Amino acid sequence: MFGREKKSEKPQLPERSSTEDIAVAGLAPTTPADGSANAFSEGGKNYRNMGRGSTALVLITNQVGMGILSLPAQLQVLGIVPGVITIVGLGLLSTYTAYELLQFYRRYPHVVNVVDMAKVVGGTPLEIVVAIGMMIKLCLSCASATVTLSVAFNSISDHAMCTVGWIGISAIVCWLLCLPRQFKFVAHVGIPSTVSIFAAIMIVIISLGVADPKGVPPEGWEKEIKVVGNPTFREGLNSCLQICYAYAGNIGFVSYMAEMKDPSRDFVWGLAALQAFSIPLYLLVAIAIYCLSGQYVASPALGSAPQIPAKIAYGIVLPALFATGLVFGHTAVKFLYVVSMRALKSTHQMTDNSAKSWGVWVGSATAFWIVAFVIANAVPIFDSILSISSATFVAWFTFGISAVFWFFLNKGRYFSTPTKIALSVVNALIICQALFMNGAGLWTAITGLMEIFGGDGDIEGSFTCADNSIF
């Protein structure tokens, strides 16, 4: 159904040497460069050690994070019915495009990230473009995590410190979390991360069930629930962008495949577990919090609760927010590390525990989080940075680029069978969707940010000390 390639088609060998093909820090091949075997080691350690359980935890940690906190407010804009359709539809679409990445990996098992995939498709020029885009996307994701953390800290402390300071503290903690070099480490934070965000959301839901949401006037209120909303073009598109952000995890999936014991089997199982968990959770959170908060729903959603429960919820959700920074930051640092070691002509030392390898790793992490800190202060508003991130690169790395890879894999066979014809149409529409979100979406996101900067509030621009939890 999904157009899996025939087994008779042999994978093409990479152009680089077998050592240089290992684009994940700490991986050294103990088998031929064609990727036919899955044994990797570092100083006797097996880096191909993620089984089904670890895979599911890493994928859930990678995807279920701060994006969920924007969903209830989007139902206020779109209405319950269109909002639910959008959440489910984009979830199913992201599942299909993730499976397309696995199809590519099966044909070219030497690839270990989307940048390697781009090199196979379009050579060095496309490799460079995708590499730059991936790093900017990861920077935006980590900047979004630090902005969300600053909102949490401002809410908990009643804005006891300048917002720039809270963003700085958040970036430093995330930097420390990114210092371990194995993705397996991410699996260890998967359970506490998932439990923390679920517990925080339940606190908000329970508190809204027994008390009015934050912002309700003393004289009382009449709840307004929109079954079908009536948003403007810009409002509707901006809401769709923020829903897309909840499915922004695809960019790291290929890197995780490189550390799975059996990617072809374990990734399918992990992907199914991820979406079976995340889509129902997204619907539950969005509908429950919106129906309880009505027109007073906030974004992030934890701010909808009364003041004391909101502070408790923000405190409990901190592990999940830090885990988001860890997952995306670790992916970026690992890529920077390998590029740096190649530039230093030291790929033979990537598996070492030497001062040089660790110095390059720590330097890569430091440079990355400095850039993320600057971006977070440039766009310190939760909704705005999520929308900008979705419009610029989530549209491509979650949806568009997978469709491009599908056309490459099926070159010359687009109309060979009715199934291929249908999939050709679907993937062409996915590319069109990515182009539309990229262009119109970026205009929508930036226009909204400029309105906040030019409004009557305290936030008048970047690097502000004002309280960003009020937006």
Protein backbone atom coordinates (compact mmCIF):
# COMPACT_ATOMS: atom_id res chain seq x y z
CA MET A 1 0.00 0.00 0.00
CA PHE A 2 2.75 2.41 0.91
CA GLY A 3 4.88 1.54 -2.07
CA ARG A 4 7.64 -0.48 -0.32
CA GLU A 5 10.53 -1.12 -2.64
CA LYS A 6 11.15 -4.56 -4.13
CA LYS A 7 13.63 -6.65 -2.20
CA SER A 8 15.61 -7.30 -5.34
CA GLU A 9 16.70 -3.67 -5.50
CA LYS A 10 20.06 -3.42 -3.76
CA PRO A 11 20.95 -0.38 -1.69
CA GLN A 12 23.42 2.00 -3.24
CA LEU A 13 26.71 2.41 -1.46
CA PRO A 14 27.54 5.83 -0.01
CA GLU A 15 30.07 7.99 -1.74
CA ARG A 16 31.98 8.67 1.49
CA SER A 17 34.22 6.23 3.27
CA SER A 18 32.69 3.88 5.81
CA THR A 19 34.09 5.91 8.69
CA GLU A 20 32.83 9.21 7.35
CA ASP A 21 29.38 7.80 6.74
CA ILE A 22 28.76 7.47 10.46
CA ALA A 23 27.17 10.86 10.96
CA VAL A 24 26.24 10.18 14.53
CA ALA A 25 28.84 11.00 17.15
CA GLY A 26 30.27 7.96 18.83
CA LEU A 27 29.29 5.44 16.16
CA ALA A 28 31.98 3.36 14.50
CA PRO A 29 31.18 0.61 12.00
CA THR A 30 32.18 -2.93 12.78
CA THR A 31 30.54 -4.17 9.58
CA PRO A 32 30.64 -3.25 5.88
CA ALA A 33 29.66 0.25 4.82
CA ASP A 34 26.57 -0.93 2.98
CA GLY A 35 24.75 -1.01 6.29
CA SER A 36 23.90 -4.67 5.93
CA ALA A 37 24.61 -5.33 9.59
CA ASN A 38 23.60 -3.38 12.61
CA ALA A 39 26.52 -3.76 15.01
CA PHE A 40 28.10 -0.51 16.09
CA SER A 41 30.42 0.14 18.95
CA GLU A 42 32.37 2.77 20.80
CA GLY A 43 35.22 1.48 22.88
CA GLY A 44 33.39 -1.83 23.27
CA LYS A 45 30.00 -0.19 23.86
CA ASN A 46 27.18 -1.15 21.51
CA TYR A 47 25.43 1.98 20.23
CA ARG A 48 22.84 -0.09 18.35
CA ASN A 49 21.05 -0.75 21.63
CA MET A 50 17.58 0.76 21.30
CA GLY A 51 14.88 -1.92 21.27
CA ARG A 52 11.13 -1.52 20.90
CA GLY A 53 10.57 -0.13 24.37
CA SER A 54 13.37 2.42 24.16
CA THR A 55 12.31 3.40 20.65
CA ALA A 56 8.74 4.10 21.74
CA LEU A 57 9.90 6.16 24.73
CA VAL A 58 12.34 8.21 22.65
CA LEU A 59 9.73 8.91 19.96
CA ILE A 60 7.12 9.92 22.54
CA THR A 61 9.62 12.17 24.33
CA ASN A 62 10.64 13.61 20.97
CA GLN A 63 7.09 14.56 19.97
CA VAL A 64 4.86 14.99 23.03
CA GLY A 65 6.07 18.21 24.56
CA MET A 66 5.29 21.88 24.53
CA GLY A 67 3.30 21.66 21.28
CA ILE A 68 0.41 20.09 23.20
CA LEU A 69 0.12 23.21 25.34
CA SER A 70 -1.07 25.31 22.41
CA LEU A 71 -3.86 22.98 21.25
CA PRO A 72 -6.82 24.03 23.48
CA ALA A 73 -6.51 27.66 22.36
CA GLN A 74 -6.67 26.56 18.72
CA LEU A 75 -10.15 25.10 19.27
CA GLN A 76 -11.23 28.56 20.39
CA VAL A 77 -10.13 29.86 16.98
CA LEU A 78 -11.16 26.99 14.69
CA GLY A 79 -14.06 25.54 16.66
CA ILE A 80 -14.26 22.04 18.11
CA VAL A 81 -15.21 20.16 14.93
CA PRO A 82 -12.67 21.75 12.54
CA GLY A 83 -10.04 21.67 15.30
CA VAL A 84 -10.49 17.95 15.95
CA ILE A 85 -10.38 17.20 12.23
CA THR A 86 -7.15 19.20 11.91
CA ILE A 87 -5.46 17.50 14.89
CA VAL A 88 -6.36 13.99 13.68
CA GLY A 89 -5.67 14.75 10.01
CA LEU A 90 -2.23 16.23 10.58
CA GLY A 91 -1.41 13.37 12.97
CA LEU A 92 -2.23 10.73 10.37
CA LEU A 93 -0.35 12.67 7.70
CA SER A 94 2.76 12.92 9.89
CA THR A 95 2.54 9.15 10.48
CA TYR A 96 2.58 8.50 6.74
CA THR A 97 5.47 10.89 6.07
CA ALA A 98 7.44 9.28 8.93
CA TYR A 99 6.92 5.88 7.29
CA GLU A 100 8.29 7.33 4.05
CA LEU A 101 11.52 8.12 5.90
CA LEU A 102 11.75 4.46 6.89
CA GLN A 103 11.23 3.43 3.25
CA PHE A 104 14.19 5.57 2.29
CA TYR A 105 16.27 4.16 5.14
CA ARG A 106 15.54 0.62 4.00
CA ARG A 107 16.83 1.40 0.51
CA TYR A 108 19.86 3.40 1.70
CA PRO A 109 20.78 2.05 5.15
CA HIS A 110 24.02 4.06 5.34
CA VAL A 111 22.08 7.31 5.94
CA VAL A 112 21.76 8.44 9.53
CA ASN A 113 19.86 11.74 9.21
CA VAL A 114 17.79 13.69 6.71
CA VAL A 115 20.91 15.52 5.54
CA ASP A 116 22.44 12.25 4.36
CA MET A 117 19.15 11.49 2.62
CA ALA A 118 19.27 14.85 0.87
CA LYS A 119 22.79 14.09 -0.40
CA VAL A 120 21.55 10.86 -1.96
CA VAL A 121 18.71 12.72 -3.69
CA GLY A 122 20.39 15.95 -4.78
CA GLY A 123 24.11 15.66 -4.14
CA THR A 124 26.18 18.17 -2.18
CA PRO A 125 24.10 21.28 -3.06
CA LEU A 126 20.89 19.81 -1.60
CA GLU A 127 22.87 18.36 1.32
CA ILE A 128 24.10 21.83 2.27
CA VAL A 129 20.65 23.43 1.93
CA VAL A 130 18.97 20.75 4.04
CA ALA A 131 21.77 20.83 6.63
CA ILE A 132 21.36 24.58 7.11
CA GLY A 133 17.59 24.24 7.24
CA MET A 134 17.79 21.40 9.76
CA MET A 135 20.07 23.36 12.08
CA ILE A 136 17.85 26.44 11.93
CA LYS A 137 14.80 24.30 12.61
CA LEU A 138 16.45 22.63 15.60
CA CYS A 139 17.57 26.03 16.90
CA LEU A 140 13.99 27.32 16.65
CA SER A 141 12.68 24.22 18.45
CA CYS A 142 15.16 24.62 21.29
CA ALA A 143 14.50 28.35 21.43
CA SER A 144 10.79 27.51 21.70
CA ALA A 145 11.58 25.23 24.63
CA THR A 146 13.47 27.95 26.47
CA VAL A 147 10.69 30.48 25.80
CA THR A 148 8.13 28.05 27.21
CA LEU A 149 10.36 27.45 30.23
CA SER A 150 10.62 31.21 30.78
CA VAL A 151 6.81 31.44 30.70
CA ALA A 152 6.68 28.67 33.31
CA PHE A 153 9.25 30.34 35.55
CA ASN A 154 7.54 33.73 35.22
CA SER A 155 4.21 32.13 36.15
CA ILE A 156 5.62 30.23 39.13
CA SER A 157 7.60 33.16 40.53
CA ASP A 158 5.16 35.99 39.68
CA HIS A 159 7.82 37.37 37.33
CA ALA A 160 10.54 37.53 39.97
CA MET A 161 13.31 37.89 37.40
CA CYS A 162 13.85 39.53 34.03
CA THR A 163 12.60 37.24 31.24
CA VAL A 164 16.05 37.31 29.64
CA GLY A 165 17.42 35.81 32.86
CA TRP A 166 14.86 33.00 32.90
CA ILE A 167 15.63 32.21 29.25
CA GLY A 168 19.34 32.14 30.11
CA ILE A 169 18.85 29.74 33.04
CA SER A 170 16.71 27.47 30.86
CA ALA A 171 19.33 27.41 28.10
CA ILE A 172 22.12 26.55 30.55
CA VAL A 173 20.20 23.60 32.02
CA CYS A 174 19.37 22.29 28.53
CA TRP A 175 23.04 22.66 27.57
CA LEU A 176 24.04 20.51 30.53
CA LEU A 177 21.46 17.87 29.58
CA CYS A 178 22.93 17.65 26.07
CA LEU A 179 26.43 16.74 27.23
CA PRO A 180 25.94 12.91 27.32
CA ARG A 181 26.66 11.52 23.85
CA GLN A 182 24.18 8.64 23.44
CA PHE A 183 20.54 8.90 22.31
CA LYS A 184 19.92 6.02 24.70
CA PHE A 185 20.19 8.67 27.43
CA VAL A 186 17.04 10.29 26.04
CA ALA A 187 15.05 7.14 26.75
CA HIS A 188 15.82 7.52 30.45
CA VAL A 189 13.95 10.84 30.57
CA GLY A 190 11.04 9.53 28.50
CA ILE A 191 8.93 8.20 31.34
CA PRO A 192 9.37 11.15 33.76
CA SER A 193 8.81 13.57 30.87
CA THR A 194 5.56 11.92 29.78
CA VAL A 195 4.33 11.54 33.35
CA SER A 196 5.09 15.18 34.16
CA ILE A 197 3.20 16.66 31.23
CA PHE A 198 0.25 14.31 31.76
CA ALA A 199 0.13 15.15 35.50
CA ALA A 200 0.32 18.89 34.82
CA ILE A 201 -2.53 18.70 32.33
CA MET A 202 -4.67 16.67 34.74
CA ILE A 203 -4.11 19.29 37.44
CA VAL A 204 -5.37 21.97 35.07
CA ILE A 205 -8.40 19.92 34.01
CA ILE A 206 -9.36 19.07 37.60
CA SER A 207 -8.91 22.64 38.80
CA LEU A 208 -11.05 23.97 35.94
CA GLY A 209 -13.72 21.45 36.89
CA VAL A 210 -14.09 22.96 40.37
CA ALA A 211 -13.17 26.62 39.79
CA ASP A 212 -13.38 29.32 37.15
CA PRO A 213 -10.48 29.82 34.73
CA LYS A 214 -8.01 32.63 35.18
CA GLY A 215 -9.26 36.01 33.99
CA VAL A 216 -12.97 35.52 34.70
CA PRO A 217 -14.52 38.81 35.95
CA PRO A 218 -15.78 38.92 39.56
CA GLU A 219 -19.38 39.45 38.45
CA GLY A 220 -19.40 36.03 36.77
CA TRP A 221 -19.34 34.82 33.18
CA GLU A 222 -21.28 32.98 30.53
CA LYS A 223 -19.21 30.29 28.83
CA GLU A 224 -18.88 30.47 25.05
CA ILE A 225 -18.01 27.25 23.20
CA LYS A 226 -17.53 27.33 19.44
CA VAL A 227 -18.53 24.16 17.63
CA VAL A 228 -17.46 25.72 14.33
CA GLY A 229 -15.33 28.84 14.50
CA ASN A 230 -15.26 31.81 12.15
CA PRO A 231 -11.58 32.78 12.01
CA THR A 232 -10.01 35.15 9.53
CA PHE A 233 -7.58 33.68 7.02
CA ARG A 234 -4.61 34.71 9.14
CA GLU A 235 -6.12 33.41 12.39
CA GLY A 236 -7.05 30.07 10.86
CA LEU A 237 -3.68 29.52 9.23
CA ASN A 238 -1.86 30.53 12.41
CA SER A 239 -3.86 27.95 14.38
CA CYS A 240 -3.03 25.23 11.86
CA LEU A 241 0.65 26.13 12.14
CA GLN A 242 0.56 25.69 15.90
CA ILE A 243 -1.18 22.34 15.57
CA CYS A 244 1.54 21.29 13.10
CA TYR A 245 4.14 22.05 15.76
CA ALA A 246 2.69 19.25 17.90
CA TYR A 247 3.93 16.85 15.18
CA ALA A 248 7.39 18.35 14.72
CA GLY A 249 9.31 15.25 15.81
CA ASN A 250 9.89 13.71 12.36
CA ILE A 251 13.19 15.53 11.87
CA GLY A 252 14.91 13.36 14.48
CA PHE A 253 13.44 10.00 13.46
CA VAL A 254 16.25 9.01 11.09
CA SER A 255 18.90 9.73 13.70
CA TYR A 256 17.07 7.43 16.10
CA MET A 257 16.93 4.68 13.46
CA ALA A 258 20.74 4.70 13.46
CA GLU A 259 20.77 3.52 17.08
CA MET A 260 17.98 0.93 16.92
CA LYS A 261 18.77 -2.78 17.06
CA ASP A 262 16.43 -3.47 14.14
CA PRO A 263 15.20 -0.17 12.61
CA SER A 264 12.97 -1.78 9.98
CA ARG A 265 10.98 -3.62 12.65
CA ASP A 266 11.36 -1.47 15.77
CA PHE A 267 10.62 1.89 14.14
CA VAL A 268 7.27 0.71 12.76
CA TRP A 269 6.27 -0.54 16.19
CA GLY A 270 7.54 2.63 17.90
CA LEU A 271 5.77 4.89 15.39
CA ALA A 272 2.48 3.06 15.90
CA ALA A 273 2.87 3.32 19.68
CA LEU A 274 3.72 7.02 19.40
CA GLN A 275 0.65 8.01 17.39
CA ALA A 276 -1.69 5.68 19.30
CA PHE A 277 -0.60 7.56 22.41
CA SER A 278 -0.17 11.12 21.15
CA ILE A 279 -3.24 11.69 18.95
CA PRO A 280 -5.81 10.60 21.60
CA LEU A 281 -3.87 12.57 24.23
CA TYR A 282 -3.90 15.69 22.04
CA LEU A 283 -7.66 15.37 21.54
CA LEU A 284 -8.33 14.79 25.24
CA VAL A 285 -6.28 17.79 26.32
CA ALA A 286 -7.57 20.15 23.64
CA ILE A 287 -11.26 19.35 24.09
CA ALA A 288 -11.27 19.06 27.89
CA ILE A 289 -9.39 22.28 28.62
CA TYR A 290 -11.23 24.29 25.97
CA CYS A 291 -14.68 23.12 27.05
CA LEU A 292 -13.87 23.95 30.68
CA SER A 293 -12.23 27.32 29.95
CA GLY A 294 -14.36 28.57 27.08
CA GLN A 295 -13.34 31.99 25.83
CA TYR A 296 -10.80 32.31 28.67
CA VAL A 297 -8.61 29.48 27.39
CA ALA A 298 -4.92 30.47 27.39
CA SER A 299 -1.85 29.49 25.42
CA PRO A 300 0.14 27.75 26.90
CA ALA A 301 -2.91 25.88 28.15
CA LEU A 302 -1.61 25.60 31.73
CA GLY A 303 -2.24 29.31 32.13
CA SER A 304 -5.98 28.68 31.82
CA ALA A 305 -6.15 27.30 35.37
CA PRO A 306 -6.65 29.46 38.47
CA GLN A 307 -3.44 31.01 39.75
CA ILE A 308 -2.35 28.44 42.37
CA PRO A 309 -3.13 25.30 40.30
CA ALA A 310 -1.44 26.95 37.31
CA LYS A 311 1.75 27.47 39.31
CA ILE A 312 1.69 23.85 40.47
CA ALA A 313 1.09 22.62 36.92
CA TYR A 314 3.96 24.71 35.55
CA GLY A 315 6.26 23.32 38.22
CA ILE A 316 5.30 19.74 37.42
CA VAL A 317 5.66 20.19 33.65
CA LEU A 318 9.27 21.43 33.86
CA PRO A 319 10.79 17.94 33.24
CA ALA A 320 8.83 17.61 30.00
CA LEU A 321 9.94 21.05 28.82
CA PHE A 322 13.58 20.35 29.62
CA ALA A 323 13.24 16.97 27.86
CA THR A 324 12.06 18.79 24.71
CA GLY A 325 15.20 20.92 24.76
CA LEU A 326 17.28 17.80 25.37
CA VAL A 327 15.82 15.80 22.47
CA PHE A 328 16.10 18.49 19.79
CA GLY A 329 19.33 19.91 21.20
CA HIS A 330 21.01 16.50 21.30
CA THR A 331 20.11 15.88 17.65
CA ALA A 332 21.66 19.23 16.65
CA VAL A 333 24.79 18.84 18.77
CA LYS A 334 25.42 15.37 17.39
CA PHE A 335 25.25 16.67 13.82
CA LEU A 336 27.54 19.62 14.59
CA TYR A 337 30.00 17.28 16.27
CA VAL A 338 30.36 15.05 13.22
CA VAL A 339 30.66 17.99 10.82
CA SER A 340 33.37 19.50 13.04
CA MET A 341 35.29 16.23 13.32
CA ARG A 342 35.19 15.82 9.55
CA ALA A 343 36.48 19.39 9.10
CA LEU A 344 39.32 18.58 11.51
CA LYS A 345 40.01 15.36 9.55
CA SER A 346 39.56 13.45 12.78
CA THR A 347 36.72 11.08 11.92
CA HIS A 348 38.88 8.21 13.16
CA GLN A 349 38.68 9.78 16.64
CA MET A 350 34.90 10.20 16.78
CA THR A 351 34.60 7.08 18.90
CA ASP A 352 37.31 8.12 21.35
CA ASN A 353 36.88 9.36 24.87
CA SER A 354 39.79 11.73 24.28
CA ALA A 355 40.12 15.38 25.26
CA LYS A 356 39.83 16.33 21.59
CA SER A 357 36.57 14.47 20.93
CA TRP A 358 34.97 15.69 24.13
CA GLY A 359 36.25 19.22 23.52
CA VAL A 360 34.60 19.29 20.10
CA TRP A 361 31.39 17.84 21.56
CA VAL A 362 31.18 20.39 24.39
CA GLY A 363 32.13 23.21 22.00
CA SER A 364 29.38 22.18 19.60
CA ALA A 365 26.82 22.10 22.41
CA THR A 366 27.95 25.50 23.68
CA ALA A 367 27.78 27.19 20.28
CA PHE A 368 24.36 25.71 19.55
CA TRP A 369 22.75 26.80 22.81
CA ILE A 370 24.18 30.31 22.55
CA VAL A 371 22.41 30.68 19.20
CA ALA A 372 19.20 29.18 20.66
CA PHE A 373 19.40 31.68 23.55
CA VAL A 374 19.65 34.60 21.12
CA ILE A 375 16.70 33.37 19.02
CA ALA A 376 14.56 32.83 22.12
CA ASN A 377 15.14 36.43 23.20
CA ALA A 378 14.47 37.70 19.68
CA VAL A 379 11.00 36.04 19.69
CA PRO A 380 10.01 35.72 23.38
CA ILE A 381 6.30 35.00 22.75
CA PHE A 382 5.10 31.37 22.99
CA ASP A 383 2.51 31.41 20.18
CA SER A 384 4.67 33.46 17.85
CA ILE A 385 7.82 31.34 18.06
CA LEU A 386 5.78 28.14 17.56
CA SER A 387 4.10 29.61 14.47
CA ILE A 388 7.34 30.90 12.97
CA SER A 389 9.05 27.55 13.56
CA SER A 390 6.17 25.68 11.92
CA ALA A 391 6.00 27.99 8.93
CA THR A 392 9.72 27.99 8.22
CA PHE A 393 10.83 24.39 8.63
CA VAL A 394 8.28 22.13 10.37
CA ALA A 395 6.22 22.30 7.17
CA TRP A 396 9.15 20.81 5.26
CA PHE A 397 10.84 18.49 7.72
CA THR A 398 7.61 16.91 8.94
CA PHE A 399 5.75 16.81 5.62
CA GLY A 400 7.33 18.18 2.44
CA ILE A 401 10.78 16.59 2.41
CA SER A 402 9.38 13.07 2.95
CA ALA A 403 7.24 13.50 -0.16
CA VAL A 404 10.31 14.58 -2.13
CA PHE A 405 12.10 11.42 -0.96
CA TRP A 406 9.12 9.30 -2.04
CA PHE A 407 9.28 10.68 -5.58
CA PHE A 408 13.00 9.91 -5.69
CA LEU A 409 12.47 6.32 -4.53
CA ASN A 410 9.71 5.72 -7.07
CA LYS A 411 11.27 7.46 -10.06
CA GLY A 412 9.81 6.10 -13.30
CA ARG A 413 6.97 4.24 -11.58
CA TYR A 414 4.61 7.08 -10.60
CA PHE A 415 1.78 5.77 -12.77
CA SER A 416 2.63 2.07 -12.91
CA THR A 417 -0.30 0.92 -10.75
CA PRO A 418 -3.49 2.48 -9.36
CA THR A 419 -1.84 2.56 -5.91
CA LYS A 420 1.19 4.39 -7.28
CA ILE A 421 -1.05 6.92 -9.03
CA ALA A 422 -2.93 7.61 -5.81
CA LEU A 423 0.30 7.94 -3.80
CA SER A 424 1.78 10.23 -6.47
CA VAL A 425 -1.20 12.55 -6.10
CA VAL A 426 -1.02 12.42 -2.30
CA ASN A 427 2.68 13.24 -2.22
CA ALA A 428 2.30 16.05 -4.75
CA LEU A 429 -0.39 17.57 -2.52
CA ILE A 430 1.89 17.22 0.51
CA ILE A 431 4.58 19.24 -1.28
CA CYS A 432 2.00 21.89 -2.22
CA GLN A 433 0.87 22.03 1.41
CA ALA A 434 4.45 22.56 2.59
CA LEU A 435 4.97 25.37 0.06
CA PHE A 436 1.74 27.09 1.12
CA MET A 437 2.55 26.82 4.84
CA ASN A 438 6.06 28.07 4.17
CA GLY A 439 4.98 31.19 2.31
CA ALA A 440 1.60 32.29 3.63
CA GLY A 441 2.32 30.80 7.07
CA LEU A 442 5.49 32.82 7.59
CA TRP A 443 3.64 36.03 6.67
CA THR A 444 0.90 35.13 9.15
CA ALA A 445 3.29 34.37 12.01
CA ILE A 446 5.46 37.46 11.57
CA THR A 447 2.44 39.76 11.22
CA GLY A 448 1.03 38.44 14.49
CA LEU A 449 4.35 38.99 16.27
CA MET A 450 4.60 42.55 15.00
CA GLU A 451 1.12 43.27 16.36
CA ILE A 452 2.22 42.13 19.83
CA PHE A 453 5.38 44.22 19.67
CA GLY A 454 3.38 47.23 18.49
CA GLY A 455 0.49 46.78 20.94
CA ASP A 456 -0.27 48.35 24.30
CA GLY A 457 1.52 45.66 26.34
CA ASP A 458 4.89 45.82 28.09
CA ILE A 459 6.67 43.73 25.45
CA GLU A 460 7.86 46.21 22.87
CA GLY A 461 10.56 44.14 21.21
CA SER A 462 13.29 41.58 21.59
CA PHE A 463 15.43 40.92 24.69
CA THR A 464 12.67 42.14 26.95
CA CYS A 465 12.50 41.97 30.73
CA ALA A 466 8.69 42.12 30.59
CA ASP A 467 6.51 39.23 31.74
CA ASN A 468 5.89 36.97 28.71
CA SER A 469 3.45 34.72 30.62
CA ILE A 470 0.59 37.14 30.01
CA PHE A 471 0.38 36.27 26.29
